[in-house]
């Protein structure tokens, strides 16, 4: 299993649109809880409900 390059994932996440961010957040495996929290810092809070629905 390949190691996830978190910096690469984070860069893609920061550059993606809302749907892209949700796609990355919900499909990337192998991240730690802290790494997921780090991604959330770059997610627009007004769209958090959409992310929660995607994860539901």
PDB file of N, CA and C in Angstrom:
ATOM      1  N   UNK A   1       0.838  -1.185   0.000  1.00  0.00           N
ATOM      2  CA  UNK A   1       0.000   0.000   0.000  1.00  0.00           C
ATOM      3  C   UNK A   1       0.882   1.247   0.000  1.00  0.00           C
ATOM      4  N   UNK A   2       0.575   2.169  -0.876  1.00  0.00           N
ATOM      5  CA  UNK A   2       1.399   3.371  -0.962  1.00  0.00           C
ATOM      6  C   UNK A   2       1.056   4.345   0.156  1.00  0.00           C
ATOM      7  N   UNK A   3       2.039   5.080   0.561  1.00  0.00           N
ATOM      8  CA  UNK A   3       1.845   6.075   1.603  1.00  0.00           C
ATOM      9  C   UNK A   3       1.197   7.312   0.987  1.00  0.00           C
ATOM     10  N   UNK A   4       0.213   7.841   1.683  1.00  0.00           N
ATOM     11  CA  UNK A   4      -0.456   9.047   1.196  1.00  0.00           C
ATOM     12  C   UNK A   4       0.475  10.235   1.412  1.00  0.00           C
ATOM     13  N   UNK A   5       0.694  11.018   0.347  1.00  0.00           N
ATOM     14  CA  UNK A   5       1.481  12.230   0.480  1.00  0.00           C
ATOM     15  C   UNK A   5       0.524  13.342   0.911  1.00  0.00           C
ATOM     16  N   UNK A   6       0.507  13.622   2.209  1.00  0.00           N
ATOM     17  CA  UNK A   6      -0.471  14.559   2.742  1.00  0.00           C
ATOM     18  C   UNK A   6      -0.314  15.954   2.157  1.00  0.00           C
ATOM     19  N   UNK A   7       0.903  16.405   1.972  1.00  0.00           N
ATOM     20  CA  UNK A   7       1.100  17.747   1.417  1.00  0.00           C
ATOM     21  C   UNK A   7       0.497  17.849   0.017  1.00  0.00           C
ATOM     22  N   UNK A   8       0.637  16.790  -0.747  1.00  0.00           N
ATOM     23  CA  UNK A   8       0.063  16.759  -2.090  1.00  0.00           C
ATOM     24  C   UNK A   8      -1.469  16.784  -2.026  1.00  0.00           C
ATOM     25  N   UNK A   9      -2.022  15.972  -1.134  1.00  0.00           N
ATOM     26  CA  UNK A   9      -3.480  15.942  -0.944  1.00  0.00           C
ATOM     27  C   UNK A   9      -3.969  17.320  -0.504  1.00  0.00           C
ATOM     28  N   UNK A  10      -3.244  17.927   0.428  1.00  0.00           N
ATOM     29  CA  UNK A  10      -3.636  19.241   0.947  1.00  0.00           C
ATOM     30  C   UNK A  10      -3.608  20.301  -0.151  1.00  0.00           C
ATOM     31  N   UNK A  11      -2.589  20.267  -0.995  1.00  0.00           N
ATOM     32  CA  UNK A  11      -2.509  21.220  -2.098  1.00  0.00           C
ATOM     33  C   UNK A  11      -3.690  21.058  -3.047  1.00  0.00           C
ATOM     34  N   UNK A  12      -3.973  19.806  -3.423  1.00  0.00           N
ATOM     35  CA  UNK A  12      -5.112  19.550  -4.317  1.00  0.00           C
ATOM     36  C   UNK A  12      -6.405  20.018  -3.670  1.00  0.00           C
ATOM     37  N   UNK A  13      -6.539  19.749  -2.378  1.00  0.00           N
ATOM     38  CA  UNK A  13      -7.742  20.124  -1.632  1.00  0.00           C
ATOM     39  C   UNK A  13      -7.927  21.641  -1.634  1.00  0.00           C
ATOM     40  N   UNK A  14      -6.852  22.366  -1.381  1.00  0.00           N
ATOM     41  CA  UNK A  14      -6.930  23.829  -1.299  1.00  0.00           C
ATOM     42  C   UNK A  14      -7.275  24.446  -2.649  1.00  0.00           C
ATOM     43  N   UNK A  15      -6.886  23.805  -3.737  1.00  0.00           N
ATOM     44  CA  UNK A  15      -7.122  24.352  -5.073  1.00  0.00           C
ATOM     45  C   UNK A  15      -8.451  23.912  -5.667  1.00  0.00           C
ATOM     46  N   UNK A  16      -9.076  22.909  -5.080  1.00  0.00           N
ATOM     47  CA  UNK A  16     -10.301  22.345  -5.638  1.00  0.00           C
ATOM     48  C   UNK A  16     -11.513  23.223  -5.331  1.00  0.00           C
ATOM     49  N   UNK A  17     -12.547  23.067  -6.157  1.00  0.00           N
ATOM     50  CA  UNK A  17     -13.820  23.716  -5.842  1.00  0.00           C
ATOM     51  C   UNK A  17     -14.518  22.906  -4.745  1.00  0.00           C
ATOM     52  N   UNK A  18     -15.704  23.352  -4.344  1.00  0.00           N
ATOM     53  CA  UNK A  18     -16.403  22.695  -3.227  1.00  0.00           C
ATOM     54  C   UNK A  18     -16.607  21.209  -3.496  1.00  0.00           C
ATOM     55  N   UNK A  19     -17.121  20.873  -4.679  1.00  0.00           N
ATOM     56  CA  UNK A  19     -17.351  19.459  -4.991  1.00  0.00           C
ATOM     57  C   UNK A  19     -16.038  18.682  -5.009  1.00  0.00           C
ATOM     58  N   UNK A  20     -14.987  19.312  -5.498  1.00  0.00           N
ATOM     59  CA  UNK A  20     -13.679  18.669  -5.509  1.00  0.00           C
ATOM     60  C   UNK A  20     -13.154  18.420  -4.104  1.00  0.00           C
ATOM     61  N   UNK A  21     -13.348  19.415  -3.232  1.00  0.00           N
ATOM     62  CA  UNK A  21     -12.928  19.266  -1.829  1.00  0.00           C
ATOM     63  C   UNK A  21     -13.670  18.100  -1.182  1.00  0.00           C
ATOM     64  N   UNK A  22     -14.980  18.033  -1.427  1.00  0.00           N
ATOM     65  CA  UNK A  22     -15.783  16.959  -0.841  1.00  0.00           C
ATOM     66  C   UNK A  22     -15.315  15.608  -1.369  1.00  0.00           C
ATOM     67  N   UNK A  23     -15.053  15.542  -2.660  1.00  0.00           N
ATOM     68  CA  UNK A  23     -14.564  14.301  -3.281  1.00  0.00           C
ATOM     69  C   UNK A  23     -13.255  13.855  -2.624  1.00  0.00           C
ATOM     70  N   UNK A  24     -12.318  14.771  -2.492  1.00  0.00           N
ATOM     71  CA  UNK A  24     -11.019  14.448  -1.878  1.00  0.00           C
ATOM     72  C   UNK A  24     -11.212  14.018  -0.428  1.00  0.00           C
ATOM     73  N   UNK A  25     -12.030  14.778   0.306  1.00  0.00           N
ATOM     74  CA  UNK A  25     -12.219  14.501   1.739  1.00  0.00           C
ATOM     75  C   UNK A  25     -12.860  13.143   1.971  1.00  0.00           C
ATOM     76  N   UNK A  26     -13.828  12.788   1.119  1.00  0.00           N
ATOM     77  CA  UNK A  26     -14.576  11.556   1.362  1.00  0.00           C
ATOM     78  C   UNK A  26     -13.937  10.317   0.738  1.00  0.00           C
ATOM     79  N   UNK A  27     -12.979  10.497  -0.174  1.00  0.00           N
ATOM     80  CA  UNK A  27     -12.403   9.318  -0.836  1.00  0.00           C
ATOM     81  C   UNK A  27     -10.944   9.055  -0.470  1.00  0.00           C
ATOM     82  N   UNK A  28     -10.271  10.020   0.133  1.00  0.00           N
ATOM     83  CA  UNK A  28      -8.862   9.812   0.487  1.00  0.00           C
ATOM     84  C   UNK A  28      -8.774   8.920   1.710  1.00  0.00           C
ATOM     85  N   UNK A  29      -7.998   7.870   1.591  1.00  0.00           N
ATOM     86  CA  UNK A  29      -7.816   6.939   2.705  1.00  0.00           C
ATOM     87  C   UNK A  29      -6.402   7.046   3.239  1.00  0.00           C
ATOM     88  N   UNK A  30      -6.229   6.648   4.482  1.00  0.00           N
ATOM     89  CA  UNK A  30      -4.894   6.596   5.067  1.00  0.00           C
ATOM     90  C   UNK A  30      -4.472   7.868   5.766  1.00  0.00           C
ATOM     91  N   UNK A  31      -5.391   8.832   5.892  1.00  0.00           N
ATOM     92  CA  UNK A  31      -5.047  10.054   6.628  1.00  0.00           C
ATOM     93  C   UNK A  31      -5.362   9.877   8.107  1.00  0.00           C
ATOM     94  N   UNK A  32      -4.609  10.579   8.934  1.00  0.00           N
ATOM     95  CA  UNK A  32      -4.880  10.554  10.365  1.00  0.00           C
ATOM     96  C   UNK A  32      -6.002  11.530  10.687  1.00  0.00           C
ATOM     97  N   UNK A  33      -6.544  11.430  11.875  1.00  0.00           N
ATOM     98  CA  UNK A  33      -7.586  12.362  12.321  1.00  0.00           C
ATOM     99  C   UNK A  33      -7.069  13.793  12.238  1.00  0.00           C
ATOM    100  N   UNK A  34      -5.831  14.003  12.659  1.00  0.00           N
ATOM    101  CA  UNK A  34      -5.254  15.352  12.615  1.00  0.00           C
ATOM    102  C   UNK A  34      -5.135  15.868  11.186  1.00  0.00           C
ATOM    103  N   UNK A  35      -4.826  14.989  10.252  1.00  0.00           N
ATOM    104  CA  UNK A  35      -4.730  15.406   8.850  1.00  0.00           C
ATOM    105  C   UNK A  35      -6.103  15.779   8.302  1.00  0.00           C
ATOM    106  N   UNK A  36      -7.130  15.002   8.666  1.00  0.00           N
ATOM    107  CA  UNK A  36      -8.484  15.369   8.241  1.00  0.00           C
ATOM    108  C   UNK A  36      -8.881  16.718   8.839  1.00  0.00           C
ATOM    109  N   UNK A  37      -8.520  16.954  10.097  1.00  0.00           N
ATOM    110  CA  UNK A  37      -8.811  18.245  10.733  1.00  0.00           C
ATOM    111  C   UNK A  37      -8.090  19.379  10.008  1.00  0.00           C
ATOM    112  N   UNK A  38      -6.876  19.110   9.578  1.00  0.00           N
ATOM    113  CA  UNK A  38      -6.099  20.110   8.838  1.00  0.00           C
ATOM    114  C   UNK A  38      -6.807  20.465   7.525  1.00  0.00           C
ATOM    115  N   UNK A  39      -7.333  19.460   6.829  1.00  0.00           N
ATOM    116  CA  UNK A  39      -8.075  19.734   5.599  1.00  0.00           C
ATOM    117  C   UNK A  39      -9.310  20.591   5.889  1.00  0.00           C
ATOM    118  N   UNK A  40      -9.985  20.291   6.986  1.00  0.00           N
ATOM    119  CA  UNK A  40     -11.197  21.049   7.323  1.00  0.00           C
ATOM    120  C   UNK A  40     -10.911  22.531   7.550  1.00  0.00           C
ATOM    121  N   UNK A  41      -9.705  22.855   7.952  1.00  0.00           N
ATOM    122  CA  UNK A  41      -9.345  24.266   8.142  1.00  0.00           C
ATOM    123  C   UNK A  41      -9.422  25.027   6.827  1.00  0.00           C
ATOM    124  N   UNK A  42      -9.344  24.304   5.714  1.00  0.00           N
ATOM    125  CA  UNK A  42      -9.353  24.926   4.391  1.00  0.00           C
ATOM    126  C   UNK A  42     -10.679  24.698   3.669  1.00  0.00           C
ATOM    127  N   UNK A  43     -11.690  24.299   4.432  1.00  0.00           N
ATOM    128  CA  UNK A  43     -13.011  24.059   3.848  1.00  0.00           C
ATOM    129  C   UNK A  43     -13.931  25.203   4.254  1.00  0.00           C
ATOM    130  N   UNK A  44     -14.638  25.812   3.290  1.00  0.00           N
ATOM    131  CA  UNK A  44     -15.534  26.920   3.637  1.00  0.00           C
ATOM    132  C   UNK A  44     -16.681  26.444   4.526  1.00  0.00           C
ATOM    133  N   UNK A  45     -16.766  27.026   5.701  1.00  0.00           N
ATOM    134  CA  UNK A  45     -17.714  26.553   6.702  1.00  0.00           C
ATOM    135  C   UNK A  45     -19.170  26.651   6.247  1.00  0.00           C
ATOM    136  N   UNK A  46     -19.464  27.592   5.357  1.00  0.00           N
ATOM    137  CA  UNK A  46     -20.844  27.723   4.903  1.00  0.00           C
ATOM    138  C   UNK A  46     -21.295  26.503   4.090  1.00  0.00           C
ATOM    139  N   UNK A  47     -20.349  25.662   3.662  1.00  0.00           N
ATOM    140  CA  UNK A  47     -20.681  24.466   2.887  1.00  0.00           C
ATOM    141  C   UNK A  47     -20.518  23.185   3.706  1.00  0.00           C
ATOM    142  N   UNK A  48     -20.319  23.321   5.009  1.00  0.00           N
ATOM    143  CA  UNK A  48     -20.079  22.167   5.863  1.00  0.00           C
ATOM    144  C   UNK A  48     -21.235  21.173   5.828  1.00  0.00           C
ATOM    145  N   UNK A  49     -22.452  21.689   5.738  1.00  0.00           N
ATOM    146  CA  UNK A  49     -23.615  20.802   5.703  1.00  0.00           C
ATOM    147  C   UNK A  49     -23.569  19.888   4.473  1.00  0.00           C
ATOM    148  N   UNK A  50     -23.133  20.433   3.350  1.00  0.00           N
ATOM    149  CA  UNK A  50     -23.016  19.640   2.124  1.00  0.00           C
ATOM    150  C   UNK A  50     -21.997  18.524   2.315  1.00  0.00           C
ATOM    151  N   UNK A  51     -20.892  18.828   2.988  1.00  0.00           N
ATOM    152  CA  UNK A  51     -19.873  17.823   3.267  1.00  0.00           C
ATOM    153  C   UNK A  51     -20.450  16.741   4.189  1.00  0.00           C
ATOM    154  N   UNK A  52     -21.183  17.169   5.216  1.00  0.00           N
ATOM    155  CA  UNK A  52     -21.779  16.198   6.150  1.00  0.00           C
ATOM    156  C   UNK A  52     -22.752  15.283   5.434  1.00  0.00           C
ATOM    157  N   UNK A  53     -23.548  15.830   4.517  1.00  0.00           N
ATOM    158  CA  UNK A  53     -24.488  15.000   3.747  1.00  0.00           C
ATOM    159  C   UNK A  53     -23.731  13.998   2.889  1.00  0.00           C
ATOM    160  N   UNK A  54     -22.632  14.429   2.298  1.00  0.00           N
ATOM    161  CA  UNK A  54     -21.838  13.534   1.441  1.00  0.00           C
ATOM    162  C   UNK A  54     -21.238  12.383   2.247  1.00  0.00           C
ATOM    163  N   UNK A  55     -20.943  12.671   3.498  1.00  0.00           N
ATOM    164  CA  UNK A  55     -20.344  11.642   4.351  1.00  0.00           C
ATOM    165  C   UNK A  55     -21.404  10.737   4.963  1.00  0.00           C
ATOM    166  N   UNK A  56     -22.650  11.238   5.043  1.00  0.00           N
ATOM    167  CA  UNK A  56     -23.735  10.516   5.699  1.00  0.00           C
ATOM    168  C   UNK A  56     -24.088   9.262   4.992  1.00  0.00           C
TER     169      UNK A  56
END
